Protein backbone atom coordinates (compact mmCIF):
# COMPACT_ATOMS: atom_id res chain seq x y z
CA MET A 1 105.57 81.99 91.00
CA LYS A 2 107.62 79.97 93.50
CA ILE A 3 105.65 77.12 95.07
CA MET A 4 106.32 74.85 98.03
CA LEU A 5 104.44 71.56 98.46
CA ILE A 6 103.92 69.88 101.83
CA ASP A 7 102.16 66.50 101.99
CA ASP A 8 103.13 63.30 103.76
CA GLU A 9 101.81 61.21 100.81
CA TYR A 10 104.33 60.77 97.99
CA TYR A 11 101.76 60.20 95.26
CA ALA A 12 99.72 63.23 96.34
CA LEU A 13 102.85 65.37 95.91
CA GLN A 14 103.51 63.85 92.50
CA GLY A 15 99.91 64.45 91.42
CA ILE A 16 100.10 68.17 92.18
CA LYS A 17 103.58 68.36 90.63
CA PHE A 18 102.15 66.80 87.46
CA GLU A 19 99.62 69.63 87.18
CA LEU A 20 102.09 72.38 88.09
CA ASP A 21 104.59 71.17 85.50
CA LYS A 22 101.99 72.12 82.87
CA MET A 23 102.08 75.74 84.08
CA PRO A 24 105.25 77.48 82.82
CA GLU A 25 104.69 80.41 85.17
CA CYS A 26 105.09 78.13 88.20
CA GLU A 27 108.35 76.90 89.76
CA ILE A 28 108.37 74.26 92.48
CA VAL A 29 111.07 75.29 94.95
CA GLY A 30 110.49 72.46 97.40
CA MET A 31 108.51 69.25 97.88
CA PHE A 32 108.31 67.91 101.43
CA GLN A 33 106.78 64.84 103.03
CA ASP A 34 108.25 65.98 106.35
CA ALA A 35 106.43 69.12 107.50
CA TYR A 36 109.09 69.97 110.10
CA GLU A 37 111.75 70.00 107.38
CA ALA A 38 109.57 72.30 105.28
CA ILE A 39 109.14 74.67 108.23
CA SER A 40 112.91 74.80 108.73
CA LYS A 41 113.50 75.72 105.08
CA VAL A 42 110.64 78.11 104.37
CA GLU A 43 112.72 81.23 105.03
CA SER A 44 115.55 80.22 102.71
CA LEU A 45 113.21 79.04 99.93
CA ASN A 46 110.92 82.09 100.27
CA PRO A 47 107.94 80.64 98.35
CA ASP A 48 105.15 82.79 96.95
CA VAL A 49 102.62 80.15 97.92
CA ILE A 50 102.55 76.95 99.96
CA LEU A 51 100.21 74.08 99.11
CA LEU A 52 99.71 72.41 102.48
CA ASP A 53 98.01 69.10 103.25
CA ILE A 54 95.87 69.11 106.41
CA GLU A 55 95.85 65.41 107.34
CA MET A 56 99.45 64.48 108.23
CA PRO A 57 100.63 62.04 110.93
CA GLU A 58 103.45 63.89 112.75
CA ILE A 59 101.93 67.37 112.69
CA THR A 60 98.57 68.46 111.31
CA GLY A 61 98.36 71.00 108.53
CA ILE A 62 96.64 73.40 110.94
CA LYS A 63 99.55 73.20 113.41
CA CYS A 64 102.01 73.48 110.54
CA TYR A 65 100.19 76.59 109.31
CA GLU A 66 100.47 78.21 112.75
CA LYS A 67 104.21 77.53 112.89
CA LEU A 68 104.64 78.97 109.40
CA MET A 69 102.75 82.11 110.47
CA GLU A 70 105.13 82.50 113.42
CA ILE A 71 107.97 82.68 110.90
CA ASN A 72 106.27 84.93 108.34
CA GLU A 73 102.68 86.09 108.59
CA ASP A 74 102.74 87.21 104.95
CA LEU A 75 103.02 83.67 103.62
CA ASN A 76 100.24 82.63 101.24
CA VAL A 77 98.90 79.19 102.14
CA VAL A 78 96.46 77.02 100.19
CA PHE A 79 95.15 74.03 102.14
CA VAL A 80 94.84 70.70 100.31
CA THR A 81 92.89 67.77 101.75
CA ALA A 82 90.59 64.89 100.94
CA TYR A 83 88.04 66.03 103.54
CA ASP A 84 85.70 68.96 102.97
CA HIS A 85 84.81 69.37 106.66
CA TYR A 86 88.02 71.38 107.13
CA ALA A 87 86.71 74.18 104.90
CA VAL A 88 85.38 76.28 107.80
CA LYS A 89 88.68 75.98 109.68
CA ALA A 90 90.60 77.01 106.57
CA PHE A 91 88.35 80.05 106.26
CA GLU A 92 88.89 80.97 109.91
CA LEU A 93 92.64 80.84 109.41
CA ASN A 94 92.40 82.98 106.28
CA ALA A 95 94.07 80.54 103.95
CA VAL A 96 94.11 81.84 100.39
CA ASP A 97 92.04 78.88 99.23
CA TYR A 98 90.99 75.32 100.00
CA LEU A 99 91.47 72.50 97.49
CA LEU A 100 89.98 69.01 97.62
CA LYS A 101 91.93 65.95 96.48
CA PRO A 102 92.34 64.89 93.81
CA VAL A 103 93.27 68.46 92.86
CA LYS A 104 91.80 69.51 89.55
CA ARG A 105 93.82 71.80 87.33
CA ASN A 106 91.10 74.47 86.95
CA ARG A 107 90.76 74.80 90.73
CA LEU A 108 94.52 74.88 91.17
CA GLU A 109 94.83 77.65 88.58
CA LYS A 110 92.06 79.62 90.29
CA ALA A 111 93.78 79.36 93.68
CA LEU A 112 97.14 80.41 92.28
CA SER A 113 95.58 83.34 90.42
CA ARG A 114 94.30 84.65 93.77
CA VAL A 115 97.81 84.56 95.14
CA TRP A 116 99.14 86.28 92.04
CA MET A 117 96.67 89.15 92.41
CA GLU A 118 97.63 89.57 96.07
CA THR A 119 101.37 89.64 95.38
CA LYS A 120 100.95 92.13 92.53
CA THR A 121 99.10 94.60 94.77
CA THR A 122 101.54 97.29 95.89
CA VAL A 123 101.05 99.49 98.90
CA GLU A 124 102.92 102.77 99.05
CA PRO A 125 103.90 103.87 102.58
CA SER A 126 102.01 107.04 103.45
CA LYS A 127 101.66 109.27 106.48
CA ILE A 128 98.40 108.67 108.27
CA PHE A 129 97.06 110.20 111.47
CA PHE A 130 95.83 108.21 114.45
CA LYS A 131 93.34 110.01 116.69
CA CYS A 132 93.26 108.19 120.02
CA PHE A 133 91.57 110.49 122.52
CA ASN A 134 87.83 110.11 123.01
CA HIS A 135 87.20 108.37 119.67
CA PHE A 136 89.71 106.11 117.93
CA GLU A 137 89.97 107.21 114.34
CA ILE A 138 92.41 106.66 111.50
CA GLN A 139 92.61 109.60 109.13
CA TYR A 140 94.23 109.62 105.72
CA GLY A 141 93.76 112.94 103.99
CA ASN A 142 90.05 113.68 104.31
CA GLN A 143 89.15 110.03 104.76
CA VAL A 144 88.30 108.16 107.94
CA LEU A 145 89.47 104.60 107.37
CA ASN A 146 88.20 102.52 110.29
CA THR A 147 84.48 102.66 109.61
CA LYS A 148 84.00 99.19 108.09
CA TRP A 149 86.28 96.77 109.89
CA ARG A 150 85.82 93.11 108.92
CA THR A 151 86.46 92.32 112.57
CA LYS A 152 86.64 94.75 115.48
CA LYS A 153 89.58 92.79 116.84
CA ALA A 154 91.70 94.11 113.96
CA GLU A 155 90.89 97.64 115.11
CA GLU A 156 91.68 96.72 118.71
CA LEU A 157 95.02 95.20 117.71
CA LEU A 158 95.96 98.38 115.85
CA ALA A 159 94.85 100.57 118.77
CA HIS A 160 96.91 98.47 121.20
CA LEU A 161 100.05 98.79 119.07
CA VAL A 162 99.60 102.55 118.78
CA CYS A 163 99.19 102.85 122.57
CA GLU A 164 102.51 100.99 122.97
CA LYS A 165 104.11 103.80 120.92
CA GLY A 166 106.67 101.70 119.08
CA HIS A 167 107.68 99.36 121.89
CA LEU A 168 107.91 95.68 121.00
CA ILE A 169 105.10 93.68 122.57
CA SER A 170 105.06 89.91 122.60
CA LYS A 171 102.45 88.14 120.53
CA ASP A 172 101.57 86.03 123.55
CA ARG A 173 100.74 89.16 125.53
CA LEU A 174 98.78 90.69 122.64
CA ALA A 175 96.79 87.48 122.27
CA GLU A 176 96.08 87.36 126.00
CA ASP A 177 95.08 91.04 126.10
CA LEU A 178 92.71 90.80 123.13
CA TRP A 179 91.25 87.36 123.91
CA PRO A 180 91.54 86.96 127.70
CA ASP A 181 88.89 84.22 127.81
CA LEU A 182 90.57 81.92 125.26
CA ASP A 183 93.42 79.49 125.71
CA GLY A 184 96.81 80.55 124.38
CA GLU A 185 96.77 78.52 121.17
CA LYS A 186 93.33 79.72 120.04
CA ALA A 187 94.11 83.30 121.03
CA LEU A 188 97.32 83.26 118.96
CA THR A 189 95.42 81.94 115.95
CA ASN A 190 92.94 84.81 116.33
CA LEU A 191 95.84 87.25 116.53
CA TYR A 192 97.16 86.04 113.17
CA VAL A 193 93.68 86.46 111.70
CA ALA A 194 93.37 90.03 113.05
CA HIS A 195 96.78 90.93 111.63
CA TYR A 196 95.74 89.43 108.30
CA TYR A 197 92.69 91.72 108.21
CA LEU A 198 94.89 94.74 108.90
CA ARG A 199 96.98 93.83 105.85
CA LYS A 200 93.78 93.48 103.81
CA GLN A 201 92.69 96.93 104.99
CA GLU A 202 96.04 98.33 103.87
CA LYS A 203 95.64 96.88 100.41
CA LYS A 204 92.04 98.05 100.14
CA ASN A 205 92.92 101.66 101.00
CA GLY A 206 96.40 101.83 99.46
CA ILE A 207 98.07 102.76 102.74
CA TYR A 208 100.61 101.35 105.17
CA PHE A 209 100.04 101.00 108.92
CA SER A 210 103.79 100.61 109.62
CA ILE A 211 103.38 97.38 111.62
CA GLU A 212 106.49 95.29 112.09
CA SER A 213 106.06 91.64 112.98
CA GLN A 214 109.11 89.81 114.27
CA ARG A 215 109.36 86.31 115.62
CA GLY A 216 107.35 86.38 118.80
CA SER A 217 106.75 90.17 118.85
CA MET A 218 104.99 93.01 117.08
CA ARG A 219 105.17 96.79 117.14
CA ILE A 220 104.09 99.82 115.18
CA LEU A 221 106.92 101.90 113.73
CA TYR A 222 105.95 104.94 115.75
CA ASP A 223 108.31 107.34 113.99
CA GLU A 224 106.53 106.67 110.69
CA ILE A 225 103.08 107.73 111.88
CA GLU A 226 101.42 110.90 113.14
CA CYS A 227 99.33 110.65 116.27
CA ASP A 228 97.63 112.87 118.86
CA LEU A 229 99.53 110.92 121.54
CA LYS A 230 102.71 112.55 120.25
CA VAL A 231 101.19 116.02 120.65
CA PHE A 232 100.13 115.15 124.19
CA ASP A 233 103.52 113.70 125.13
CA ARG A 234 105.31 116.84 123.91
CA GLY A 235 103.18 118.83 126.35
CA VAL A 236 104.07 116.42 129.16
CA ASN A 237 107.77 116.82 128.42
CA VAL A 238 107.51 120.62 128.42
CA MET A 239 105.76 120.51 131.79
CA LYS A 240 108.34 118.19 133.32
CA LYS A 241 111.20 120.39 132.14
CA SER A 242 109.43 123.58 133.28
CA SER A 243 109.98 124.95 129.80
CA LYS A 244 108.45 128.22 128.66
CA LYS A 245 106.79 126.58 125.63
CA MET A 246 103.30 126.96 127.06
CA ASN A 247 101.77 126.65 123.60
CA GLU A 248 102.78 122.96 123.53
CA VAL A 249 101.14 122.31 126.90
CA GLU A 250 97.99 124.06 125.67
CA ALA A 251 98.09 122.02 122.46
CA ALA A 252 98.37 118.83 124.51
CA LEU A 253 95.28 119.68 126.55
CA LYS A 254 93.44 120.61 123.37
CA VAL A 255 93.97 117.17 121.80
CA TYR A 256 92.92 115.56 125.08
CA SER A 257 89.26 115.67 124.09
CA GLY A 258 88.30 112.75 126.31
CA GLN A 259 89.63 109.52 127.73
CA LEU A 260 92.09 107.48 125.71
CA LEU A 261 89.95 105.36 123.33
CA GLY A 262 87.04 106.58 125.40
CA ASP A 263 84.35 105.07 123.16
CA HIS A 264 85.81 101.57 123.52
CA TYR A 265 86.03 99.08 126.33
CA TYR A 266 89.09 96.89 126.17
CA SER A 267 90.27 94.82 129.13
CA TRP A 268 93.86 96.09 128.76
CA LEU A 269 92.89 99.76 128.41
CA PRO A 270 92.21 101.17 131.95
CA GLU A 271 95.89 101.26 132.93
CA TYR A 272 96.73 103.36 129.89
CA GLN A 273 93.72 105.63 130.43
CA GLY A 274 94.74 106.29 134.02
CA ILE A 275 98.21 107.47 132.99
CA TYR A 276 96.83 110.04 130.53
CA GLU A 277 94.15 111.24 132.95
CA GLN A 278 96.78 111.91 135.60
CA GLU A 279 99.06 113.75 133.17
CA ALA A 280 96.18 115.87 131.87
CA GLU A 281 95.27 116.94 135.44
CA LYS A 282 98.91 117.80 136.14
CA MET A 283 99.08 119.96 133.01
CA LYS A 284 95.90 121.85 133.93
CA LYS A 285 97.33 122.66 137.37
CA TYR A 286 100.67 123.53 135.79
CA LEU A 287 99.07 126.08 133.46
CA ILE A 288 97.11 127.62 136.32
CA ARG A 289 100.28 128.03 138.38
CA ARG A 290 102.13 129.56 135.42
CA GLU A 291 99.31 132.05 134.82
CA HIS A 292 99.44 133.28 138.43
CA LYS A 293 103.19 133.85 138.45
């Protein structure tokens, strides 16, 4: 297991190194007193876990964590601090664990074992079906997967990405859409948490939501999923081309069982709903005209 250490205190770094050196399965790939230097090298070092101090003078561990998440949201971070009042914040940010100084070996081993179990969990990409009209539902075989979300914001994030149909959407916009009443920094933190829960849901169910997270943007890999929006859009294209494939127009109206995400209220949703309502009305009139020809 490759480990990166970030702490502005030299002796704190040496204390954790002393314990890690007793664990042959662990390799320290970097020790940094300068958090900004660590951030700049995290991609090249590619650690399995980062042990991150919270109380640092130039940049707090919380801020450092957020910058690390902007680079790679799959990084495993364990917070280390002398103050236990940061525990709630660490939980909110979904750190793997929270260690108090001086770090005891048994607690360090427990934290690292959690990371090891996470990294050994494999998720095979699988075709799943997103039902978006009337009721948002994620189907995998005979299973409905979105019945026990840890947070409804994870479901909303997934729904938003599906509605974008593979287009890149900035994380700033996603954060603003999902948390319109929060300031940008807090909203972005919540976005990282929601994405984290989606990854947990993937691992729990052994599936893959096909979400791609780049620096500053996210999207769902639309070609890798099945969705009733695709059926509907095929009908729209047939209508616009005046094609004779009436069965596809009929299929589109059949999947349009109600408003887009009709059982949800999201602040960003009405614009999308209006587009599909208009297209559905056009298709109904189109079929009537075709029948009377």
